[in-house]
């Protein structure tokens, strides 16, 4: 028997990533905002991947996109400030 992940979108809400634990992308974004940095953190905090495990690839992809978005929103230590020019 082959199980597949079904992407569920309801009324433009966040995609359900883990059907077993009812975890959506919104939950993953909130966990990243609260300090989650790894799939292990999501498993501990949200229970992702603790039942059937079929959600792990999608959870990892959602985690990576959230981490990239978070890191790109932070100003870089070495990036010049707006309006700053090298002389």
PDB file of N, CA and C in Angstrom:
ATOM      1  N   UNK A   1       0.845  -1.166   0.000  1.00  0.00           N
ATOM      2  CA  UNK A   1       0.000   0.000   0.000  1.00  0.00           C
ATOM      3  C   UNK A   1       0.895   1.236   0.000  1.00  0.00           C
ATOM      4  N   UNK A   2       0.583   2.194  -0.841  1.00  0.00           N
ATOM      5  CA  UNK A   2       1.369   3.411  -0.969  1.00  0.00           C
ATOM      6  C   UNK A   2       0.543   4.580  -0.456  1.00  0.00           C
ATOM      7  N   UNK A   3       1.103   5.313   0.479  1.00  0.00           N
ATOM      8  CA  UNK A   3       0.450   6.512   0.994  1.00  0.00           C
ATOM      9  C   UNK A   3       1.064   7.730   0.326  1.00  0.00           C
ATOM     10  N   UNK A   4       0.247   8.689   0.019  1.00  0.00           N
ATOM     11  CA  UNK A   4       0.757   9.912  -0.590  1.00  0.00           C
ATOM     12  C   UNK A   4       0.314  11.104   0.230  1.00  0.00           C
ATOM     13  N   UNK A   5       1.082  12.153   0.141  1.00  0.00           N
ATOM     14  CA  UNK A   5       0.746  13.402   0.810  1.00  0.00           C
ATOM     15  C   UNK A   5      -0.227  14.165  -0.071  1.00  0.00           C
ATOM     16  N   UNK A   6      -1.282  14.642   0.514  1.00  0.00           N
ATOM     17  CA  UNK A   6      -2.259  15.432  -0.216  1.00  0.00           C
ATOM     18  C   UNK A   6      -2.177  16.858   0.297  1.00  0.00           C
ATOM     19  N   UNK A   7      -1.960  17.791  -0.613  1.00  0.00           N
ATOM     20  CA  UNK A   7      -1.926  19.195  -0.232  1.00  0.00           C
ATOM     21  C   UNK A   7      -3.356  19.685  -0.096  1.00  0.00           C
ATOM     22  N   UNK A   8      -3.672  20.203   1.059  1.00  0.00           N
ATOM     23  CA  UNK A   8      -5.025  20.657   1.324  1.00  0.00           C
ATOM     24  C   UNK A   8      -5.015  22.162   1.511  1.00  0.00           C
ATOM     25  N   UNK A   9      -5.792  22.858   0.706  1.00  0.00           N
ATOM     26  CA  UNK A   9      -5.960  24.293   0.862  1.00  0.00           C
ATOM     27  C   UNK A   9      -7.448  24.564   1.000  1.00  0.00           C
ATOM     28  N   UNK A  10      -7.812  25.241   2.068  1.00  0.00           N
ATOM     29  CA  UNK A  10      -9.210  25.541   2.325  1.00  0.00           C
ATOM     30  C   UNK A  10      -9.369  27.045   2.433  1.00  0.00           C
ATOM     31  N   UNK A  11     -10.134  27.633   1.528  1.00  0.00           N
ATOM     32  CA  UNK A  11     -10.432  29.062   1.555  1.00  0.00           C
ATOM     33  C   UNK A  11      -9.171  29.913   1.681  1.00  0.00           C
ATOM     34  N   UNK A  12      -8.158  29.595   0.887  1.00  0.00           N
ATOM     35  CA  UNK A  12      -6.900  30.349   0.877  1.00  0.00           C
ATOM     36  C   UNK A  12      -6.176  30.355   2.213  1.00  0.00           C
ATOM     37  N   UNK A  13      -6.460  29.384   3.053  1.00  0.00           N
ATOM     38  CA  UNK A  13      -5.736  29.307   4.331  1.00  0.00           C
ATOM     39  C   UNK A  13      -4.421  28.563   4.097  1.00  0.00           C
ATOM     40  N   UNK A  14      -3.633  28.456   5.126  1.00  0.00           N
ATOM     41  CA  UNK A  14      -2.326  27.817   5.014  1.00  0.00           C
ATOM     42  C   UNK A  14      -2.477  26.330   4.693  1.00  0.00           C
ATOM     43  N   UNK A  15      -1.511  25.816   3.983  1.00  0.00           N
ATOM     44  CA  UNK A  15      -1.527  24.415   3.605  1.00  0.00           C
ATOM     45  C   UNK A  15      -1.314  23.525   4.828  1.00  0.00           C
ATOM     46  N   UNK A  16      -2.056  22.429   4.892  1.00  0.00           N
ATOM     47  CA  UNK A  16      -1.852  21.434   5.945  1.00  0.00           C
ATOM     48  C   UNK A  16      -0.617  20.622   5.558  1.00  0.00           C
ATOM     49  N   UNK A  17       0.346  20.575   6.435  1.00  0.00           N
ATOM     50  CA  UNK A  17       1.579  19.842   6.177  1.00  0.00           C
ATOM     51  C   UNK A  17       1.496  18.452   6.789  1.00  0.00           C
ATOM     52  N   UNK A  18       1.017  18.361   8.018  1.00  0.00           N
ATOM     53  CA  UNK A  18       0.905  17.084   8.723  1.00  0.00           C
ATOM     54  C   UNK A  18      -0.565  16.838   9.047  1.00  0.00           C
ATOM     55  N   UNK A  19      -1.161  15.908   8.322  1.00  0.00           N
ATOM     56  CA  UNK A  19      -2.568  15.589   8.534  1.00  0.00           C
ATOM     57  C   UNK A  19      -2.753  14.896   9.884  1.00  0.00           C
ATOM     58  N   UNK A  20      -1.828  14.031  10.251  1.00  0.00           N
ATOM     59  CA  UNK A  20      -1.956  13.271  11.508  1.00  0.00           C
ATOM     60  C   UNK A  20      -2.054  14.192  12.724  1.00  0.00           C
ATOM     61  N   UNK A  21      -1.261  15.255  12.739  1.00  0.00           N
ATOM     62  CA  UNK A  21      -1.228  16.178  13.879  1.00  0.00           C
ATOM     63  C   UNK A  21      -1.870  17.524  13.566  1.00  0.00           C
ATOM     64  N   UNK A  22      -2.480  17.661  12.376  1.00  0.00           N
ATOM     65  CA  UNK A  22      -3.159  18.893  11.948  1.00  0.00           C
ATOM     66  C   UNK A  22      -2.244  20.111  12.054  1.00  0.00           C
ATOM     67  N   UNK A  23      -1.051  19.986  11.487  1.00  0.00           N
ATOM     68  CA  UNK A  23      -0.071  21.074  11.494  1.00  0.00           C
ATOM     69  C   UNK A  23      -0.064  21.731  10.121  1.00  0.00           C
ATOM     70  N   UNK A  24      -0.230  23.039  10.100  1.00  0.00           N
ATOM     71  CA  UNK A  24      -0.236  23.780   8.841  1.00  0.00           C
ATOM     72  C   UNK A  24       1.060  24.569   8.691  1.00  0.00           C
ATOM     73  N   UNK A  25       1.211  25.175   7.506  1.00  0.00           N
ATOM     74  CA  UNK A  25       2.364  26.056   7.287  1.00  0.00           C
ATOM     75  C   UNK A  25       2.362  27.197   8.287  1.00  0.00           C
ATOM     76  N   UNK A  26       1.178  27.666   8.645  1.00  0.00           N
ATOM     77  CA  UNK A  26       1.065  28.752   9.615  1.00  0.00           C
ATOM     78  C   UNK A  26       1.663  28.339  10.964  1.00  0.00           C
ATOM     79  N   UNK A  27       1.421  27.096  11.380  1.00  0.00           N
ATOM     80  CA  UNK A  27       2.003  26.603  12.622  1.00  0.00           C
ATOM     81  C   UNK A  27       3.535  26.561  12.540  1.00  0.00           C
ATOM     82  N   UNK A  28       4.033  26.149  11.386  1.00  0.00           N
ATOM     83  CA  UNK A  28       5.488  26.074  11.198  1.00  0.00           C
ATOM     84  C   UNK A  28       6.094  27.472  11.211  1.00  0.00           C
ATOM     85  N   UNK A  29       5.436  28.440  10.544  1.00  0.00           N
ATOM     86  CA  UNK A  29       5.926  29.825  10.585  1.00  0.00           C
ATOM     87  C   UNK A  29       5.956  30.354  12.015  1.00  0.00           C
ATOM     88  N   UNK A  30       4.927  30.053  12.787  1.00  0.00           N
ATOM     89  CA  UNK A  30       4.884  30.510  14.183  1.00  0.00           C
ATOM     90  C   UNK A  30       5.987  29.848  15.003  1.00  0.00           C
ATOM     91  N   UNK A  31       6.247  28.568  14.752  1.00  0.00           N
ATOM     92  CA  UNK A  31       7.310  27.871  15.480  1.00  0.00           C
ATOM     93  C   UNK A  31       8.677  28.465  15.149  1.00  0.00           C
ATOM     94  N   UNK A  32       8.898  28.800  13.880  1.00  0.00           N
ATOM     95  CA  UNK A  32      10.166  29.432  13.482  1.00  0.00           C
ATOM     96  C   UNK A  32      10.288  30.798  14.137  1.00  0.00           C
ATOM     97  N   UNK A  33       9.196  31.528  14.167  1.00  0.00           N
ATOM     98  CA  UNK A  33       9.209  32.837  14.827  1.00  0.00           C
ATOM     99  C   UNK A  33       9.537  32.700  16.314  1.00  0.00           C
ATOM    100  N   UNK A  34       9.105  31.577  16.919  1.00  0.00           N
ATOM    101  CA  UNK A  34       9.378  31.326  18.334  1.00  0.00           C
ATOM    102  C   UNK A  34      10.728  30.682  18.583  1.00  0.00           C
ATOM    103  N   UNK A  35      11.517  30.457  17.505  1.00  0.00           N
ATOM    104  CA  UNK A  35      12.884  29.982  17.695  1.00  0.00           C
ATOM    105  C   UNK A  35      13.213  28.615  17.132  1.00  0.00           C
ATOM    106  N   UNK A  36      12.269  27.930  16.503  1.00  0.00           N
ATOM    107  CA  UNK A  36      12.573  26.624  15.908  1.00  0.00           C
ATOM    108  C   UNK A  36      13.541  26.809  14.744  1.00  0.00           C
ATOM    109  N   UNK A  37      14.580  25.989  14.716  1.00  0.00           N
ATOM    110  CA  UNK A  37      15.596  26.096  13.671  1.00  0.00           C
ATOM    111  C   UNK A  37      15.827  24.793  12.922  1.00  0.00           C
ATOM    112  N   UNK A  38      15.193  23.708  13.359  1.00  0.00           N
ATOM    113  CA  UNK A  38      15.450  22.414  12.741  1.00  0.00           C
ATOM    114  C   UNK A  38      14.179  21.578  12.722  1.00  0.00           C
ATOM    115  N   UNK A  39      14.241  20.505  11.951  1.00  0.00           N
ATOM    116  CA  UNK A  39      13.121  19.574  11.895  1.00  0.00           C
ATOM    117  C   UNK A  39      12.907  18.924  13.263  1.00  0.00           C
ATOM    118  N   UNK A  40      13.973  18.728  13.985  1.00  0.00           N
ATOM    119  CA  UNK A  40      13.866  18.176  15.334  1.00  0.00           C
ATOM    120  C   UNK A  40      13.063  19.108  16.243  1.00  0.00           C
ATOM    121  N   UNK A  41      13.269  20.420  16.098  1.00  0.00           N
ATOM    122  CA  UNK A  41      12.492  21.389  16.873  1.00  0.00           C
ATOM    123  C   UNK A  41      11.008  21.296  16.534  1.00  0.00           C
ATOM    124  N   UNK A  42      10.696  21.157  15.230  1.00  0.00           N
ATOM    125  CA  UNK A  42       9.296  21.035  14.825  1.00  0.00           C
ATOM    126  C   UNK A  42       8.672  19.752  15.357  1.00  0.00           C
ATOM    127  N   UNK A  43       9.444  18.677  15.358  1.00  0.00           N
ATOM    128  CA  UNK A  43       8.942  17.409  15.884  1.00  0.00           C
ATOM    129  C   UNK A  43       8.650  17.538  17.371  1.00  0.00           C
ATOM    130  N   UNK A  44       9.544  18.172  18.094  1.00  0.00           N
ATOM    131  CA  UNK A  44       9.360  18.343  19.531  1.00  0.00           C
ATOM    132  C   UNK A  44       8.203  19.285  19.844  1.00  0.00           C
ATOM    133  N   UNK A  45       8.127  20.394  19.126  1.00  0.00           N
ATOM    134  CA  UNK A  45       7.136  21.424  19.446  1.00  0.00           C
ATOM    135  C   UNK A  45       5.751  21.139  18.866  1.00  0.00           C
ATOM    136  N   UNK A  46       5.702  20.575  17.653  1.00  0.00           N
ATOM    137  CA  UNK A  46       4.426  20.421  16.958  1.00  0.00           C
ATOM    138  C   UNK A  46       4.009  18.971  16.742  1.00  0.00           C
ATOM    139  N   UNK A  47       4.927  18.038  16.939  1.00  0.00           N
ATOM    140  CA  UNK A  47       4.608  16.634  16.718  1.00  0.00           C
ATOM    141  C   UNK A  47       4.714  16.200  15.270  1.00  0.00           C
ATOM    142  N   UNK A  48       5.291  17.037  14.425  1.00  0.00           N
ATOM    143  CA  UNK A  48       5.429  16.725  13.002  1.00  0.00           C
ATOM    144  C   UNK A  48       6.275  15.464  12.835  1.00  0.00           C
ATOM    145  N   UNK A  49       5.779  14.517  12.040  1.00  0.00           N
ATOM    146  CA  UNK A  49       6.540  13.313  11.720  1.00  0.00           C
ATOM    147  C   UNK A  49       6.522  12.235  12.769  1.00  0.00           C
ATOM    148  N   UNK A  50       5.713  12.369  13.803  1.00  0.00           N
ATOM    149  CA  UNK A  50       5.723  11.372  14.876  1.00  0.00           C
ATOM    150  C   UNK A  50       4.739  10.234  14.660  1.00  0.00           C
ATOM    151  N   UNK A  51       3.853  10.360  13.672  1.00  0.00           N
ATOM    152  CA  UNK A  51       2.896   9.268  13.401  1.00  0.00           C
ATOM    153  C   UNK A  51       3.365   8.463  12.192  1.00  0.00           C
ATOM    154  N   UNK A  52       2.939   8.854  11.002  1.00  0.00           N
ATOM    155  CA  UNK A  52       3.287   8.073   9.804  1.00  0.00           C
ATOM    156  C   UNK A  52       4.603   8.537   9.180  1.00  0.00           C
ATOM    157  N   UNK A  53       4.985   9.807   9.388  1.00  0.00           N
ATOM    158  CA  UNK A  53       6.246  10.321   8.856  1.00  0.00           C
ATOM    159  C   UNK A  53       6.209  10.788   7.417  1.00  0.00           C
ATOM    160  N   UNK A  54       5.063  10.642   6.737  1.00  0.00           N
ATOM    161  CA  UNK A  54       4.965  11.040   5.336  1.00  0.00           C
ATOM    162  C   UNK A  54       5.053  12.551   5.145  1.00  0.00           C
ATOM    163  N   UNK A  55       4.881  13.318   6.212  1.00  0.00           N
ATOM    164  CA  UNK A  55       4.901  14.773   6.110  1.00  0.00           C
ATOM    165  C   UNK A  55       6.302  15.359   6.202  1.00  0.00           C
ATOM    166  N   UNK A  56       7.276  14.567   6.555  1.00  0.00           N
ATOM    167  CA  UNK A  56       8.608  15.111   6.813  1.00  0.00           C
ATOM    168  C   UNK A  56       9.229  15.868   5.637  1.00  0.00           C
ATOM    169  N   UNK A  57       9.149  15.374   4.394  1.00  0.00           N
ATOM    170  CA  UNK A  57       9.723  16.163   3.296  1.00  0.00           C
ATOM    171  C   UNK A  57       9.041  17.528   3.127  1.00  0.00           C
ATOM    172  N   UNK A  58       7.722  17.562   3.222  1.00  0.00           N
ATOM    173  CA  UNK A  58       7.003  18.827   3.079  1.00  0.00           C
ATOM    174  C   UNK A  58       7.268  19.742   4.274  1.00  0.00           C
ATOM    175  N   UNK A  59       7.371  19.167   5.472  1.00  0.00           N
ATOM    176  CA  UNK A  59       7.681  19.959   6.660  1.00  0.00           C
ATOM    177  C   UNK A  59       9.075  20.565   6.553  1.00  0.00           C
ATOM    178  N   UNK A  60      10.015  19.790   6.036  1.00  0.00           N
ATOM    179  CA  UNK A  60      11.376  20.295   5.857  1.00  0.00           C
ATOM    180  C   UNK A  60      11.401  21.432   4.843  1.00  0.00           C
ATOM    181  N   UNK A  61      10.648  21.281   3.749  1.00  0.00           N
ATOM    182  CA  UNK A  61      10.591  22.338   2.742  1.00  0.00           C
ATOM    183  C   UNK A  61       9.964  23.608   3.315  1.00  0.00           C
ATOM    184  N   UNK A  62       8.893  23.457   4.082  1.00  0.00           N
ATOM    185  CA  UNK A  62       8.245  24.615   4.704  1.00  0.00           C
ATOM    186  C   UNK A  62       9.183  25.276   5.713  1.00  0.00           C
ATOM    187  N   UNK A  63       9.901  24.470   6.482  1.00  0.00           N
ATOM    188  CA  UNK A  63      10.853  24.996   7.452  1.00  0.00           C
ATOM    189  C   UNK A  63      11.952  25.787   6.742  1.00  0.00           C
ATOM    190  N   UNK A  64      12.505  25.236   5.675  1.00  0.00           N
ATOM    191  CA  UNK A  64      13.574  25.923   4.942  1.00  0.00           C
ATOM    192  C   UNK A  64      13.098  27.252   4.375  1.00  0.00           C
ATOM    193  N   UNK A  65      11.883  27.271   3.809  1.00  0.00           N
ATOM    194  CA  UNK A  65      11.395  28.535   3.246  1.00  0.00           C
ATOM    195  C   UNK A  65      11.139  29.563   4.347  1.00  0.00           C
ATOM    196  N   UNK A  66      10.671  29.113   5.501  1.00  0.00           N
ATOM    197  CA  UNK A  66      10.452  30.042   6.626  1.00  0.00           C
ATOM    198  C   UNK A  66      11.776  30.580   7.158  1.00  0.00           C
ATOM    199  N   UNK A  67      12.776  29.716   7.246  1.00  0.00           N
ATOM    200  CA  UNK A  67      14.085  30.157   7.725  1.00  0.00           C
ATOM    201  C   UNK A  67      14.726  31.129   6.739  1.00  0.00           C
ATOM    202  N   UNK A  68      14.585  30.862   5.445  1.00  0.00           N
ATOM    203  CA  UNK A  68      15.133  31.776   4.433  1.00  0.00           C
ATOM    204  C   UNK A  68      14.441  33.130   4.489  1.00  0.00           C
ATOM    205  N   UNK A  69      13.128  33.111   4.640  1.00  0.00           N
ATOM    206  CA  UNK A  69      12.376  34.365   4.734  1.00  0.00           C
ATOM    207  C   UNK A  69      12.774  35.143   5.978  1.00  0.00           C
ATOM    208  N   UNK A  70      12.956  34.428   7.089  1.00  0.00           N
ATOM    209  CA  UNK A  70      13.357  35.080   8.330  1.00  0.00           C
ATOM    210  C   UNK A  70      14.751  35.679   8.200  1.00  0.00           C
ATOM    211  N   UNK A  71      15.665  34.931   7.611  1.00  0.00           N
ATOM    212  CA  UNK A  71      17.043  35.400   7.493  1.00  0.00           C
ATOM    213  C   UNK A  71      17.180  36.537   6.490  1.00  0.00           C
ATOM    214  N   UNK A  72      16.377  36.523   5.437  1.00  0.00           N
ATOM    215  CA  UNK A  72      16.465  37.609   4.459  1.00  0.00           C
ATOM    216  C   UNK A  72      15.832  38.885   4.990  1.00  0.00           C
ATOM    217  N   UNK A  73      14.942  38.772   5.954  1.00  0.00           N
ATOM    218  CA  UNK A  73      14.303  39.952   6.544  1.00  0.00           C
ATOM    219  C   UNK A  73      15.217  40.646   7.545  1.00  0.00           C
ATOM    220  N   UNK A  74      16.161  39.906   8.092  1.00  0.00           N
ATOM    221  CA  UNK A  74      17.101  40.491   9.056  1.00  0.00           C
ATOM    222  C   UNK A  74      18.168  41.291   8.330  1.00  0.00           C
ATOM    223  N   UNK A  75      18.510  42.452   8.832  1.00  0.00           N
ATOM    224  CA  UNK A  75      19.600  43.204   8.203  1.00  0.00           C
ATOM    225  C   UNK A  75      20.931  42.504   8.459  1.00  0.00           C
ATOM    226  N   UNK A  76      21.746  42.457   7.442  1.00  0.00           N
ATOM    227  CA  UNK A  76      23.053  41.834   7.559  1.00  0.00           C
ATOM    228  C   UNK A  76      24.008  42.760   8.296  1.00  0.00           C
ATOM    229  N   UNK A  77      24.899  42.184   9.065  1.00  0.00           N
ATOM    230  CA  UNK A  77      25.880  42.953   9.821  1.00  0.00           C
ATOM    231  C   UNK A  77      26.818  43.710   8.886  1.00  0.00           C
ATOM    232  N   UNK A  78      27.114  43.115   7.722  1.00  0.00           N
ATOM    233  CA  UNK A  78      28.084  43.704   6.819  1.00  0.00           C
ATOM    234  C   UNK A  78      27.451  44.428   5.632  1.00  0.00           C
ATOM    235  N   UNK A  79      26.130  44.396   5.541  1.00  0.00           N
ATOM    236  CA  UNK A  79      25.466  45.082   4.425  1.00  0.00           C
ATOM    237  C   UNK A  79      25.438  46.571   4.701  1.00  0.00           C
ATOM    238  N   UNK A  80      25.668  47.397   3.694  1.00  0.00           N
ATOM    239  CA  UNK A  80      25.611  48.836   3.917  1.00  0.00           C
ATOM    240  C   UNK A  80      24.190  49.278   4.199  1.00  0.00           C
ATOM    241  N   UNK A  81      24.065  50.260   5.038  1.00  0.00           N
ATOM    242  CA  UNK A  81      22.747  50.807   5.352  1.00  0.00           C
ATOM    243  C   UNK A  81      22.232  51.574   4.142  1.00  0.00           C
ATOM    244  N   UNK A  82      20.924  51.738   4.076  1.00  0.00           N
ATOM    245  CA  UNK A  82      20.330  52.466   2.958  1.00  0.00           C
ATOM    246  C   UNK A  82      20.886  53.883   2.907  1.00  0.00           C
ATOM    247  N   UNK A  83      21.346  54.284   1.753  1.00  0.00           N
ATOM    248  CA  UNK A  83      21.888  55.637   1.601  1.00  0.00           C
ATOM    249  C   UNK A  83      23.354  55.753   2.005  1.00  0.00           C
ATOM    250  N   UNK A  84      23.977  54.655   2.416  1.00  0.00           N
ATOM    251  CA  UNK A  84      25.370  54.671   2.820  1.00  0.00           C
ATOM    252  C   UNK A  84      26.238  54.326   1.614  1.00  0.00           C
ATOM    253  N   UNK A  85      27.250  55.112   1.361  1.00  0.00           N
ATOM    254  CA  UNK A  85      28.108  54.895   0.209  1.00  0.00           C
ATOM    255  C   UNK A  85      29.545  54.749   0.677  1.00  0.00           C
ATOM    256  N   UNK A  86      30.261  53.859   0.001  1.00  0.00           N
ATOM    257  CA  UNK A  86      31.682  53.695   0.293  1.00  0.00           C
ATOM    258  C   UNK A  86      32.450  54.835  -0.354  1.00  0.00           C
ATOM    259  N   UNK A  87      33.456  55.319   0.340  1.00  0.00           N
ATOM    260  CA  UNK A  87      34.261  56.422  -0.188  1.00  0.00           C
ATOM    261  C   UNK A  87      35.635  55.940  -0.518  1.00  0.00           C
TER     262      UNK A  87
END
